[in-house]
Amino acid sequence: VKKTAIREYANVKKSGLVAINLRDNDELIEVKYTNNEQD
């Protein structure tokens, strides 16, 4: 799991933007919008 400030994704280029670094044989499956107060 990983948590990153939403403002770091404010300027998404046409060619895309790196959201997370992944290990081998892993992939990103879900993303949620949070306020740092969630379970």
Full PDB file with SEQRES, HELIX, SHEET, SSBOND, CRYST1, ORIGX, SCALE, CONECT and MASTER records, all heavy atoms in Angstrom:
SEQRES   1 A   39  VAL LYS LYS THR ALA ILE ARG GLU TYR ALA ASN VAL LYS          
SEQRES   2 A   39  LYS SER GLY LEU VAL ALA ILE ASN LEU ARG ASP ASN ASP          
SEQRES   3 A   39  GLU LEU ILE GLU VAL LYS TYR THR ASN ASN GLU GLN ASP          
HELIX    1 AA1 ILE A    6  TYR A    9  5                                   4    
CRYST1    1.000    1.000    1.000  90.00  90.00  90.00 P 1           1          
ORIGX1      1.000000  0.000000  0.000000        0.00000                         
ORIGX2      0.000000  1.000000  0.000000        0.00000                         
ORIGX3      0.000000  0.000000  1.000000        0.00000                         
SCALE1      1.000000  0.000000  0.000000        0.00000                         
SCALE2      0.000000  1.000000  0.000000        0.00000                         
SCALE3      0.000000  0.000000  1.000000        0.00000                         
ATOM      1  N   VAL A   1       0.852  -1.191   0.000  1.00  0.00           N  
ATOM      2  CA  VAL A   1       0.000   0.000   0.000  1.00  0.00           C  
ATOM      3  C   VAL A   1       0.887   1.240   0.000  1.00  0.00           C  
ATOM      4  O   VAL A   1       2.033   1.213   0.441  1.00  0.00           O  
ATOM      5  CB  VAL A   1      -0.946   0.019   1.223  1.00  0.00           C  
ATOM      6  CG1 VAL A   1      -1.954  -1.096   1.141  1.00  0.00           C  
ATOM      7  CG2 VAL A   1      -0.158  -0.050   2.527  1.00  0.00           C  
ATOM      8  N   LYS A   2       0.312   2.352  -0.482  1.00  0.00           N  
ATOM      9  CA  LYS A   2       1.067   3.593  -0.581  1.00  0.00           C  
ATOM     10  C   LYS A   2       0.105   4.768  -0.486  1.00  0.00           C  
ATOM     11  O   LYS A   2      -1.013   4.706  -1.015  1.00  0.00           O  
ATOM     12  CB  LYS A   2       1.830   3.642  -1.904  1.00  0.00           C  
ATOM     13  CG  LYS A   2       2.537   4.962  -2.162  1.00  0.00           C  
ATOM     14  CD  LYS A   2       2.987   5.038  -3.605  1.00  0.00           C  
ATOM     15  CE  LYS A   2       3.378   6.459  -3.941  1.00  0.00           C  
ATOM     16  NZ  LYS A   2       3.720   6.629  -5.359  1.00  0.00           N  
ATOM     17  N   LYS A   3       0.545   5.842   0.176  1.00  0.00           N  
ATOM     18  CA  LYS A   3      -0.268   7.059   0.315  1.00  0.00           C  
ATOM     19  C   LYS A   3       0.542   8.252  -0.180  1.00  0.00           C  
ATOM     20  O   LYS A   3       1.672   8.476   0.260  1.00  0.00           O  
ATOM     21  CB  LYS A   3      -0.668   7.255   1.786  1.00  0.00           C  
ATOM     22  CG  LYS A   3      -1.548   8.469   2.021  1.00  0.00           C  
ATOM     23  CD  LYS A   3      -2.019   8.520   3.475  1.00  0.00           C  
ATOM     24  CE  LYS A   3      -0.851   8.755   4.423  1.00  0.00           C  
ATOM     25  NZ  LYS A   3      -1.284   8.874   5.819  1.00  0.00           N  
ATOM     26  N   THR A   4      -0.052   9.022  -1.094  1.00  0.00           N  
ATOM     27  CA  THR A   4       0.627  10.179  -1.686  1.00  0.00           C  
ATOM     28  C   THR A   4      -0.353  11.338  -1.796  1.00  0.00           C  
ATOM     29  O   THR A   4      -1.529  11.145  -2.115  1.00  0.00           O  
ATOM     30  CB  THR A   4       1.174   9.833  -3.083  1.00  0.00           C  
ATOM     31  OG1 THR A   4       2.043   8.709  -2.986  1.00  0.00           O  
ATOM     32  CG2 THR A   4       1.947  11.000  -3.673  1.00  0.00           C  
ATOM     33  N   ALA A   5       0.122  12.559  -1.528  1.00  0.00           N  
ATOM     34  CA  ALA A   5      -0.715  13.750  -1.622  1.00  0.00           C  
ATOM     35  C   ALA A   5      -1.279  13.892  -3.032  1.00  0.00           C  
ATOM     36  O   ALA A   5      -0.564  13.726  -4.025  1.00  0.00           O  
ATOM     37  CB  ALA A   5       0.088  14.990  -1.245  1.00  0.00           C  
ATOM     38  N   ILE A   6      -2.569  14.211  -3.126  1.00  0.00           N  
ATOM     39  CA  ILE A   6      -3.244  14.305  -4.420  1.00  0.00           C  
ATOM     40  C   ILE A   6      -2.656  15.405  -5.292  1.00  0.00           C  
ATOM     41  O   ILE A   6      -2.629  15.310  -6.522  1.00  0.00           O  
ATOM     42  CB  ILE A   6      -4.766  14.528  -4.210  1.00  0.00           C  
ATOM     43  CG1 ILE A   6      -5.513  14.560  -5.546  1.00  0.00           C  
ATOM     44  CG2 ILE A   6      -5.016  15.808  -3.447  1.00  0.00           C  
ATOM     45  CD1 ILE A   6      -5.481  13.260  -6.290  1.00  0.00           C  
ATOM     46  N   ARG A   7      -2.117  16.467  -4.658  1.00  0.00           N  
ATOM     47  CA  ARG A   7      -1.583  17.586  -5.427  1.00  0.00           C  
ATOM     48  C   ARG A   7      -0.358  17.178  -6.252  1.00  0.00           C  
ATOM     49  O   ARG A   7      -0.002  17.871  -7.211  1.00  0.00           O  
ATOM     50  CB  ARG A   7      -1.242  18.750  -4.503  1.00  0.00           C  
ATOM     51  CG  ARG A   7      -2.463  19.367  -3.832  1.00  0.00           C  
ATOM     52  CD  ARG A   7      -2.075  20.555  -2.975  1.00  0.00           C  
ATOM     53  NE  ARG A   7      -1.578  21.660  -3.785  1.00  0.00           N  
ATOM     54  CZ  ARG A   7      -2.346  22.574  -4.356  1.00  0.00           C  
ATOM     55  NH1 ARG A   7      -3.662  22.505  -4.206  1.00  0.00           N  
ATOM     56  NH2 ARG A   7      -1.820  23.552  -5.043  1.00  0.00           N  
ATOM     57  N   GLU A   8       0.291  16.092  -5.901  1.00  0.00           N  
ATOM     58  CA  GLU A   8       1.429  15.631  -6.687  1.00  0.00           C  
ATOM     59  C   GLU A   8       1.000  15.065  -8.039  1.00  0.00           C  
ATOM     60  O   GLU A   8       1.838  14.806  -8.903  1.00  0.00           O  
ATOM     61  CB  GLU A   8       2.228  14.585  -5.908  1.00  0.00           C  
ATOM     62  CG  GLU A   8       2.903  15.138  -4.659  1.00  0.00           C  
ATOM     63  CD  GLU A   8       4.082  14.286  -4.222  1.00  0.00           C  
ATOM     64  OE1 GLU A   8       4.691  13.620  -5.091  1.00  0.00           O  
ATOM     65  OE2 GLU A   8       4.381  14.293  -3.015  1.00  0.00           O  
ATOM     66  N   TYR A   9      -0.325  14.893  -8.225  1.00  0.00           N  
ATOM     67  CA  TYR A   9      -0.834  14.357  -9.483  1.00  0.00           C  
ATOM     68  C   TYR A   9      -1.643  15.412 -10.244  1.00  0.00           C  
ATOM     69  O   TYR A   9      -2.428  15.086 -11.128  1.00  0.00           O  
ATOM     70  CB  TYR A   9      -1.715  13.139  -9.220  1.00  0.00           C  
ATOM     71  CG  TYR A   9      -0.987  12.017  -8.516  1.00  0.00           C  
ATOM     72  CD1 TYR A   9      -0.976  11.935  -7.128  1.00  0.00           C  
ATOM     73  CD2 TYR A   9      -0.306  11.046  -9.236  1.00  0.00           C  
ATOM     74  CE1 TYR A   9      -0.298  10.917  -6.474  1.00  0.00           C  
ATOM     75  CE2 TYR A   9       0.364  10.024  -8.591  1.00  0.00           C  
ATOM     76  CZ  TYR A   9       0.367   9.965  -7.216  1.00  0.00           C  
ATOM     77  OH  TYR A   9       1.033   8.953  -6.574  1.00  0.00           O  
ATOM     78  N   ALA A  10      -1.440  16.681  -9.904  1.00  0.00           N  
ATOM     79  CA  ALA A  10      -2.243  17.747 -10.510  1.00  0.00           C  
ATOM     80  C   ALA A  10      -1.860  18.006 -11.963  1.00  0.00           C  
ATOM     81  O   ALA A  10      -2.681  18.484 -12.749  1.00  0.00           O  
ATOM     82  CB  ALA A  10      -2.114  19.038  -9.695  1.00  0.00           C  
ATOM     83  N   ASN A  11      -0.633  17.722 -12.326  1.00  0.00           N  
ATOM     84  CA  ASN A  11      -0.171  18.008 -13.688  1.00  0.00           C  
ATOM     85  C   ASN A  11       0.186  16.711 -14.403  1.00  0.00           C  
ATOM     86  O   ASN A  11       1.354  16.340 -14.513  1.00  0.00           O  
ATOM     87  CB  ASN A  11       1.045  18.947 -13.655  1.00  0.00           C  
ATOM     88  CG  ASN A  11       0.721  20.286 -13.016  1.00  0.00           C  
ATOM     89  OD1 ASN A  11      -0.294  20.892 -13.331  1.00  0.00           O  
ATOM     90  ND2 ASN A  11       1.567  20.731 -12.110  1.00  0.00           N  
ATOM     91  N   VAL A  12      -0.838  16.030 -14.843  1.00  0.00           N  
ATOM     92  CA  VAL A  12      -0.640  14.767 -15.559  1.00  0.00           C  
ATOM     93  C   VAL A  12      -0.386  15.071 -17.030  1.00  0.00           C  
ATOM     94  O   VAL A  12      -1.198  15.716 -17.690  1.00  0.00           O  
ATOM     95  CB  VAL A  12      -1.859  13.838 -15.408  1.00  0.00           C  
ATOM     96  CG1 VAL A  12      -1.640  12.535 -16.169  1.00  0.00           C  
ATOM     97  CG2 VAL A  12      -2.123  13.562 -13.941  1.00  0.00           C  
ATOM     98  N   LYS A  13       0.741  14.618 -17.544  1.00  0.00           N  
ATOM     99  CA  LYS A  13       1.092  14.857 -18.935  1.00  0.00           C  
ATOM    100  C   LYS A  13       0.299  13.948 -19.860  1.00  0.00           C  
ATOM    101  O   LYS A  13      -0.300  12.973 -19.439  1.00  0.00           O  
ATOM    102  CB  LYS A  13       2.592  14.618 -19.133  1.00  0.00           C  
ATOM    103  CG  LYS A  13       3.491  15.494 -18.277  1.00  0.00           C  
ATOM    104  CD  LYS A  13       4.947  15.145 -18.497  1.00  0.00           C  
ATOM    105  CE  LYS A  13       5.855  15.984 -17.604  1.00  0.00           C  
ATOM    106  NZ  LYS A  13       7.278  15.612 -17.769  1.00  0.00           N  
ATOM    107  N   LYS A  14       0.328  14.309 -21.142  1.00  0.00           N  
ATOM    108  CA  LYS A  14      -0.362  13.488 -22.134  1.00  0.00           C  
ATOM    109  C   LYS A  14       0.211  12.080 -22.172  1.00  0.00           C  
ATOM    110  O   LYS A  14      -0.502  11.105 -22.410  1.00  0.00           O  
ATOM    111  CB  LYS A  14      -0.224  14.147 -23.509  1.00  0.00           C  
ATOM    112  CG  LYS A  14      -1.062  13.515 -24.585  1.00  0.00           C  
ATOM    113  CD  LYS A  14      -2.523  13.893 -24.454  1.00  0.00           C  
ATOM    114  CE  LYS A  14      -3.339  13.365 -25.621  1.00  0.00           C  
ATOM    115  NZ  LYS A  14      -4.775  13.660 -25.477  1.00  0.00           N  
ATOM    116  N   SER A  15       1.515  11.970 -21.917  1.00  0.00           N  
ATOM    117  CA  SER A  15       2.175  10.669 -21.949  1.00  0.00           C  
ATOM    118  C   SER A  15       2.074   9.926 -20.631  1.00  0.00           C  
ATOM    119  O   SER A  15       2.654   8.853 -20.472  1.00  0.00           O  
ATOM    120  CB  SER A  15       3.653  10.852 -22.320  1.00  0.00           C  
ATOM    121  OG  SER A  15       4.304  11.695 -21.384  1.00  0.00           O  
ATOM    122  N   GLY A  16       1.346  10.473 -19.658  1.00  0.00           N  
ATOM    123  CA  GLY A  16       1.166   9.827 -18.373  1.00  0.00           C  
ATOM    124  C   GLY A  16       2.167  10.298 -17.329  1.00  0.00           C  
ATOM    125  O   GLY A  16       3.080  11.085 -17.611  1.00  0.00           O  
ATOM    126  N   LEU A  17       1.980   9.826 -16.097  1.00  0.00           N  
ATOM    127  CA  LEU A  17       2.806  10.231 -14.967  1.00  0.00           C  
ATOM    128  C   LEU A  17       3.030   9.002 -14.080  1.00  0.00           C  
ATOM    129  O   LEU A  17       2.144   8.166 -13.926  1.00  0.00           O  
ATOM    130  CB  LEU A  17       2.077  11.323 -14.170  1.00  0.00           C  
ATOM    131  CG  LEU A  17       2.898  12.189 -13.214  1.00  0.00           C  
ATOM    132  CD1 LEU A  17       3.859  13.071 -13.990  1.00  0.00           C  
ATOM    133  CD2 LEU A  17       1.965  13.053 -12.376  1.00  0.00           C  
ATOM    134  N   VAL A  18       4.216   8.893 -13.493  1.00  0.00           N  
ATOM    135  CA  VAL A  18       4.507   7.772 -12.596  1.00  0.00           C  
ATOM    136  C   VAL A  18       3.699   7.927 -11.310  1.00  0.00           C  
ATOM    137  O   VAL A  18       3.785   8.954 -10.631  1.00  0.00           O  
ATOM    138  CB  VAL A  18       6.004   7.696 -12.271  1.00  0.00           C  
ATOM    139  CG1 VAL A  18       6.265   6.612 -11.230  1.00  0.00           C  
ATOM    140  CG2 VAL A  18       6.810   7.412 -13.531  1.00  0.00           C  
ATOM    141  N   ALA A  19       2.876   6.935 -10.981  1.00  0.00           N  
ATOM    142  CA  ALA A  19       2.055   6.987  -9.774  1.00  0.00           C  
ATOM    143  C   ALA A  19       2.675   6.187  -8.632  1.00  0.00           C  
ATOM    144  O   ALA A  19       2.545   6.562  -7.471  1.00  0.00           O  
ATOM    145  CB  ALA A  19       0.645   6.464 -10.072  1.00  0.00           C  
ATOM    146  N   ILE A  20       3.342   5.070  -8.950  1.00  0.00           N  
ATOM    147  CA  ILE A  20       3.942   4.215  -7.935  1.00  0.00           C  
ATOM    148  C   ILE A  20       5.005   3.345  -8.589  1.00  0.00           C  
ATOM    149  O   ILE A  20       4.867   2.948  -9.755  1.00  0.00           O  
ATOM    150  CB  ILE A  20       2.868   3.319  -7.253  1.00  0.00           C  
ATOM    151  CG1 ILE A  20       3.483   2.461  -6.146  1.00  0.00           C  
ATOM    152  CG2 ILE A  20       2.142   2.479  -8.271  1.00  0.00           C  
ATOM    153  CD1 ILE A  20       2.447   1.648  -5.366  1.00  0.00           C  
ATOM    154  N   ASN A  21       6.084   3.082  -7.849  1.00  0.00           N  
ATOM    155  CA  ASN A  21       7.090   2.133  -8.311  1.00  0.00           C  
ATOM    156  C   ASN A  21       6.685   0.731  -7.872  1.00  0.00           C  
ATOM    157  O   ASN A  21       6.355   0.517  -6.703  1.00  0.00           O  
ATOM    158  CB  ASN A  21       8.469   2.478  -7.743  1.00  0.00           C  
ATOM    159  CG  ASN A  21       9.217   3.448  -8.636  1.00  0.00           C  
ATOM    160  OD1 ASN A  21       8.963   3.516  -9.829  1.00  0.00           O  
ATOM    161  ND2 ASN A  21      10.140   4.201  -8.062  1.00  0.00           N  
ATOM    162  N   LEU A  22       6.713  -0.214  -8.794  1.00  0.00           N  
ATOM    163  CA  LEU A  22       6.256  -1.574  -8.507  1.00  0.00           C  
ATOM    164  C   LEU A  22       7.407  -2.566  -8.537  1.00  0.00           C  
ATOM    165  O   LEU A  22       8.356  -2.420  -9.313  1.00  0.00           O  
ATOM    166  CB  LEU A  22       5.198  -1.996  -9.537  1.00  0.00           C  
ATOM    167  CG  LEU A  22       3.895  -1.205  -9.524  1.00  0.00           C  
ATOM    168  CD1 LEU A  22       3.038  -1.600 -10.706  1.00  0.00           C  
ATOM    169  CD2 LEU A  22       3.140  -1.420  -8.222  1.00  0.00           C  
ATOM    170  N   ARG A  23       7.307  -3.583  -7.691  1.00  0.00           N  
ATOM    171  CA  ARG A  23       8.265  -4.678  -7.717  1.00  0.00           C  
ATOM    172  C   ARG A  23       7.923  -5.634  -8.858  1.00  0.00           C  
ATOM    173  O   ARG A  23       6.860  -5.544  -9.473  1.00  0.00           O  
ATOM    174  CB  ARG A  23       8.243  -5.428  -6.381  1.00  0.00           C  
ATOM    175  CG  ARG A  23       8.671  -4.565  -5.203  1.00  0.00           C  
ATOM    176  CD  ARG A  23       8.516  -5.318  -3.896  1.00  0.00           C  
ATOM    177  NE  ARG A  23       8.935  -4.511  -2.751  1.00  0.00           N  
ATOM    178  CZ  ARG A  23       8.796  -4.876  -1.492  1.00  0.00           C  
ATOM    179  NH1 ARG A  23       8.253  -6.059  -1.212  1.00  0.00           N  
ATOM    180  NH2 ARG A  23       9.195  -4.082  -0.518  1.00  0.00           N  
ATOM    181  N   ASP A  24       8.837  -6.546  -9.119  1.00  0.00           N  
ATOM    182  CA  ASP A  24       8.592  -7.532 -10.175  1.00  0.00           C  
ATOM    183  C   ASP A  24       7.371  -8.393  -9.821  1.00  0.00           C  
ATOM    184  O   ASP A  24       7.131  -8.716  -8.661  1.00  0.00           O  
ATOM    185  CB  ASP A  24       9.813  -8.441 -10.356  1.00  0.00           C  
ATOM    186  CG  ASP A  24      11.015  -7.682 -10.893  1.00  0.00           C  
ATOM    187  OD1 ASP A  24      10.798  -6.614 -11.503  1.00  0.00           O  
ATOM    188  OD2 ASP A  24      12.152  -8.148 -10.698  1.00  0.00           O  
ATOM    189  N   ASN A  25       6.592  -8.730 -10.849  1.00  0.00           N  
ATOM    190  CA  ASN A  25       5.412  -9.595 -10.695  1.00  0.00           C  
ATOM    191  C   ASN A  25       4.339  -8.981  -9.800  1.00  0.00           C  
ATOM    192  O   ASN A  25       3.559  -9.688  -9.169  1.00  0.00           O  
ATOM    193  CB  ASN A  25       5.809 -10.975 -10.146  1.00  0.00           C  
ATOM    194  CG  ASN A  25       6.800 -11.678 -11.045  1.00  0.00           C  
ATOM    195  OD1 ASN A  25       6.673 -11.628 -12.267  1.00  0.00           O  
ATOM    196  ND2 ASN A  25       7.799 -12.317 -10.446  1.00  0.00           N  
ATOM    197  N   ASP A  26       4.301  -7.673  -9.711  1.00  0.00           N  
ATOM    198  CA  ASP A  26       3.263  -6.978  -8.945  1.00  0.00           C  
ATOM    199  C   ASP A  26       2.586  -5.958  -9.849  1.00  0.00           C  
ATOM    200  O   ASP A  26       3.153  -5.532 -10.862  1.00  0.00           O  
ATOM    201  CB  ASP A  26       3.864  -6.297  -7.716  1.00  0.00           C  
ATOM    202  CG  ASP A  26       2.791  -5.937  -6.688  1.00  0.00           C  
ATOM    203  OD1 ASP A  26       1.624  -6.325  -6.899  1.00  0.00           O  
ATOM    204  OD2 ASP A  26       3.134  -5.269  -5.693  1.00  0.00           O  
ATOM    205  N   GLU A  27       1.378  -5.564  -9.484  1.00  0.00           N  
ATOM    206  CA  GLU A  27       0.675  -4.543 -10.251  1.00  0.00           C  
ATOM    207  C   GLU A  27      -0.279  -3.774  -9.365  1.00  0.00           C  
ATOM    208  O   GLU A  27      -0.720  -4.265  -8.318  1.00  0.00           O  
ATOM    209  CB  GLU A  27      -0.077  -5.169 -11.424  1.00  0.00           C  
ATOM    210  CG  GLU A  27      -1.164  -6.146 -11.029  1.00  0.00           C  
ATOM    211  CD  GLU A  27      -1.854  -6.745 -12.245  1.00  0.00           C  
ATOM    212  OE1 GLU A  27      -1.299  -6.683 -13.353  1.00  0.00           O  
ATOM    213  OE2 GLU A  27      -2.969  -7.267 -12.075  1.00  0.00           O  
ATOM    214  N   LEU A  28      -0.576  -2.564  -9.772  1.00  0.00           N  
ATOM    215  CA  LEU A  28      -1.504  -1.696  -9.045  1.00  0.00           C  
ATOM    216  C   LEU A  28      -2.929  -2.126  -9.350  1.00  0.00           C  
ATOM    217  O   LEU A  28      -3.296  -2.299 -10.511  1.00  0.00           O  
ATOM    218  CB  LEU A  28      -1.282  -0.249  -9.469  1.00  0.00           C  
ATOM    219  CG  LEU A  28      -2.130   0.828  -8.807  1.00  0.00           C  
ATOM    220  CD1 LEU A  28      -1.802   0.936  -7.322  1.00  0.00           C  
ATOM    221  CD2 LEU A  28      -1.905   2.174  -9.490  1.00  0.00           C  
ATOM    222  N   ILE A  29      -3.761  -2.325  -8.299  1.00  0.00           N  
ATOM    223  CA  ILE A  29      -5.127  -2.810  -8.540  1.00  0.00           C  
ATOM    224  C   ILE A  29      -6.207  -1.823  -8.124  1.00  0.00           C  
ATOM    225  O   ILE A  29      -7.318  -1.863  -8.633  1.00  0.00           O  
ATOM    226  CB  ILE A  29      -5.385  -4.143  -7.807  1.00  0.00           C  
ATOM    227  CG1 ILE A  29      -5.303  -3.941  -6.289  1.00  0.00           C  
ATOM    228  CG2 ILE A  29      -4.436  -5.215  -8.287  1.00  0.00           C  
ATOM    229  CD1 ILE A  29      -6.025  -5.001  -5.512  1.00  0.00           C  
ATOM    230  N   GLU A  30      -5.924  -0.916  -7.169  1.00  0.00           N  
ATOM    231  CA  GLU A  30      -6.983  -0.041  -6.685  1.00  0.00           C  
ATOM    232  C   GLU A  30      -6.406   1.242  -6.109  1.00  0.00           C  
ATOM    233  O   GLU A  30      -5.289   1.253  -5.586  1.00  0.00           O  
ATOM    234  CB  GLU A  30      -7.814  -0.766  -5.607  1.00  0.00           C  
ATOM    235  CG  GLU A  30      -9.065  -0.016  -5.163  1.00  0.00           C  
ATOM    236  CD  GLU A  30     -10.040   0.209  -6.294  1.00  0.00           C  
ATOM    237  OE1 GLU A  30      -9.834   1.177  -7.060  1.00  0.00           O  
ATOM    238  OE2 GLU A  30     -11.009  -0.548  -6.423  1.00  0.00           O  
ATOM    239  N   VAL A  31      -7.176   2.317  -6.220  1.00  0.00           N  
ATOM    240  CA  VAL A  31      -6.788   3.622  -5.687  1.00  0.00           C  
ATOM    241  C   VAL A  31      -8.016   4.250  -5.037  1.00  0.00           C  
ATOM    242  O   VAL A  31      -9.117   4.167  -5.570  1.00  0.00           O  
ATOM    243  CB  VAL A  31      -6.248   4.547  -6.795  1.00  0.00           C  
ATOM    244  CG1 VAL A  31      -5.811   5.882  -6.211  1.00  0.00           C  
ATOM    245  CG2 VAL A  31      -5.104   3.897  -7.541  1.00  0.00           C  
ATOM    246  N   LYS A  32      -7.834   4.873  -3.872  1.00  0.00           N  
ATOM    247  CA  LYS A  32      -8.915   5.564  -3.174  1.00  0.00           C  
ATOM    248  C   LYS A  32      -8.502   7.003  -2.872  1.00  0.00           C  
ATOM    249  O   LYS A  32      -7.326   7.304  -2.657  1.00  0.00           O  
ATOM    250  CB  LYS A  32      -9.256   4.859  -1.856  1.00  0.00           C  
ATOM    251  CG  LYS A  32      -9.833   3.468  -2.011  1.00  0.00           C  
ATOM    252  CD  LYS A  32     -11.178   3.500  -2.696  1.00  0.00           C  
ATOM    253  CE  LYS A  32     -11.772   2.105  -2.809  1.00  0.00           C  
ATOM    254  NZ  LYS A  32     -13.025   2.100  -3.562  1.00  0.00           N  
ATOM    255  N   TYR A  33      -9.477   7.870  -2.853  1.00  0.00           N  
ATOM    256  CA  TYR A  33      -9.289   9.281  -2.508  1.00  0.00           C  
ATOM    257  C   TYR A  33      -9.577   9.438  -1.010  1.00  0.00           C  
ATOM    258  O   TYR A  33     -10.684   9.143  -0.567  1.00  0.00           O  
ATOM    259  CB  TYR A  33     -10.251  10.116  -3.340  1.00  0.00           C  
ATOM    260  CG  TYR A  33     -10.134  11.606  -3.167  1.00  0.00           C  
ATOM    261  CD1 TYR A  33      -9.274  12.348  -3.975  1.00  0.00           C  
ATOM    262  CD2 TYR A  33     -10.912  12.287  -2.236  1.00  0.00           C  
ATOM    263  CE1 TYR A  33      -9.190  13.712  -3.838  1.00  0.00           C  
ATOM    264  CE2 TYR A  33     -10.826  13.651  -2.098  1.00  0.00           C  
ATOM    265  CZ  TYR A  33      -9.967  14.362  -2.904  1.00  0.00           C  
ATOM    266  OH  TYR A  33      -9.890  15.730  -2.773  1.00  0.00           O  
ATOM    267  N   THR A  34      -8.595   9.859  -0.202  1.00  0.00           N  
ATOM    268  CA  THR A  34      -8.742   9.858   1.251  1.00  0.00           C  
ATOM    269  C   THR A  34      -8.334  11.198   1.860  1.00  0.00           C  
ATOM    270  O   THR A  34      -7.773  12.067   1.189  1.00  0.00           O  
ATOM    271  CB  THR A  34      -7.882   8.753   1.886  1.00  0.00           C  
ATOM    272  OG1 THR A  34      -6.491   9.043   1.635  1.00  0.00           O  
ATOM    273  CG2 THR A  34      -8.216   7.391   1.304  1.00  0.00           C  
ATOM    274  N   ASN A  35      -8.612  11.323   3.176  1.00  0.00           N  
ATOM    275  CA  ASN A  35      -8.288  12.552   3.924  1.00  0.00           C  
ATOM    276  C   ASN A  35      -7.358  12.269   5.106  1.00  0.00           C  
ATOM    277  O   ASN A  35      -7.276  13.074   6.033  1.00  0.00           O  
ATOM    278  CB  ASN A  35      -9.572  13.212   4.417  1.00  0.00           C  
ATOM    279  CG  ASN A  35     -10.410  12.283   5.277  1.00  0.00           C  
ATOM    280  OD1 ASN A  35     -10.009  11.155   5.560  1.00  0.00           O  
ATOM    281  ND2 ASN A  35     -11.577  12.753   5.686  1.00  0.00           N  
ATOM    282  N   ASN A  36      -6.712  11.109   5.119  1.00  0.00           N  
ATOM    283  CA  ASN A  36      -5.784  10.699   6.187  1.00  0.00           C  
ATOM    284  C   ASN A  36      -6.493  10.380   7.495  1.00  0.00           C  
ATOM    285  O   ASN A  36      -5.869  10.359   8.556  1.00  0.00           O  
ATOM    286  CB  ASN A  36      -4.708  11.771   6.427  1.00  0.00           C  
ATOM    287  CG  ASN A  36      -3.436  11.184   7.025  1.00  0.00           C  
ATOM    288  OD1 ASN A  36      -3.081  10.048   6.758  1.00  0.00           O  
ATOM    289  ND2 ASN A  36      -2.745  11.971   7.842  1.00  0.00           N  
ATOM    290  N   GLU A  37      -7.794  10.145   7.453  1.00  0.00           N  
ATOM    291  CA  GLU A  37      -8.561   9.828   8.658  1.00  0.00           C  
ATOM    292  C   GLU A  37      -9.350   8.536   8.504  1.00  0.00           C  
ATOM    293  O   GLU A  37     -10.245   8.256   9.301  1.00  0.00           O  
ATOM    294  CB  GLU A  37      -9.518  10.976   8.990  1.00  0.00           C  
ATOM    295  CG  GLU A  37      -8.820  12.303   9.263  1.00  0.00           C  
ATOM    296  CD  GLU A  37      -9.809  13.433   9.496  1.00  0.00           C  
ATOM    297  OE1 GLU A  37     -11.028  13.171   9.377  1.00  0.00           O  
ATOM    298  OE2 GLU A  37      -9.365  14.565   9.776  1.00  0.00           O  
ATOM    299  N   GLN A  38      -9.034   7.748   7.487  1.00  0.00           N  
ATOM    300  CA  GLN A  38      -9.842   6.580   7.170  1.00  0.00           C  
ATOM    301  C   GLN A  38      -9.277   5.295   7.776  1.00  0.00           C  
ATOM    302  O   GLN A  38      -8.092   5.206   8.109  1.00  0.00           O  
ATOM    303  CB  GLN A  38      -9.927   6.407   5.649  1.00  0.00           C  
ATOM    304  CG  GLN A  38     -10.515   7.589   4.911  1.00  0.00           C  
ATOM    305  CD  GLN A  38     -11.990   7.757   5.186  1.00  0.00           C  
ATOM    306  OE1 GLN A  38     -12.667   6.809   5.581  1.00  0.00           O  
ATOM    307  NE2 GLN A  38     -12.506   8.956   4.968  1.00  0.00           N  
ATOM    308  N   ASP A  39     -10.165   4.299   7.916  1.00  0.00           N  
ATOM    309  CA  ASP A  39      -9.762   2.919   8.148  1.00  0.00           C  
ATOM    310  C   ASP A  39      -9.806   2.200   6.813  1.00  0.00           C  
ATOM    311  O   ASP A  39     -10.811   2.290   6.078  1.00  0.00           O  
ATOM    312  CB  ASP A  39     -10.700   2.231   9.143  1.00  0.00           C  
ATOM    313  CG  ASP A  39     -10.391   2.624  10.580  1.00  0.00           C  
ATOM    314  OD1 ASP A  39      -9.419   3.384  10.787  1.00  0.00           O  
ATOM    315  OD2 ASP A  39     -11.119   2.173  11.480  1.00  0.00           O  
TER     316      ASP A  39                                                      
MASTER        0    0    0    1    0    0    0    6  315    1    0    3          
END                                                                             
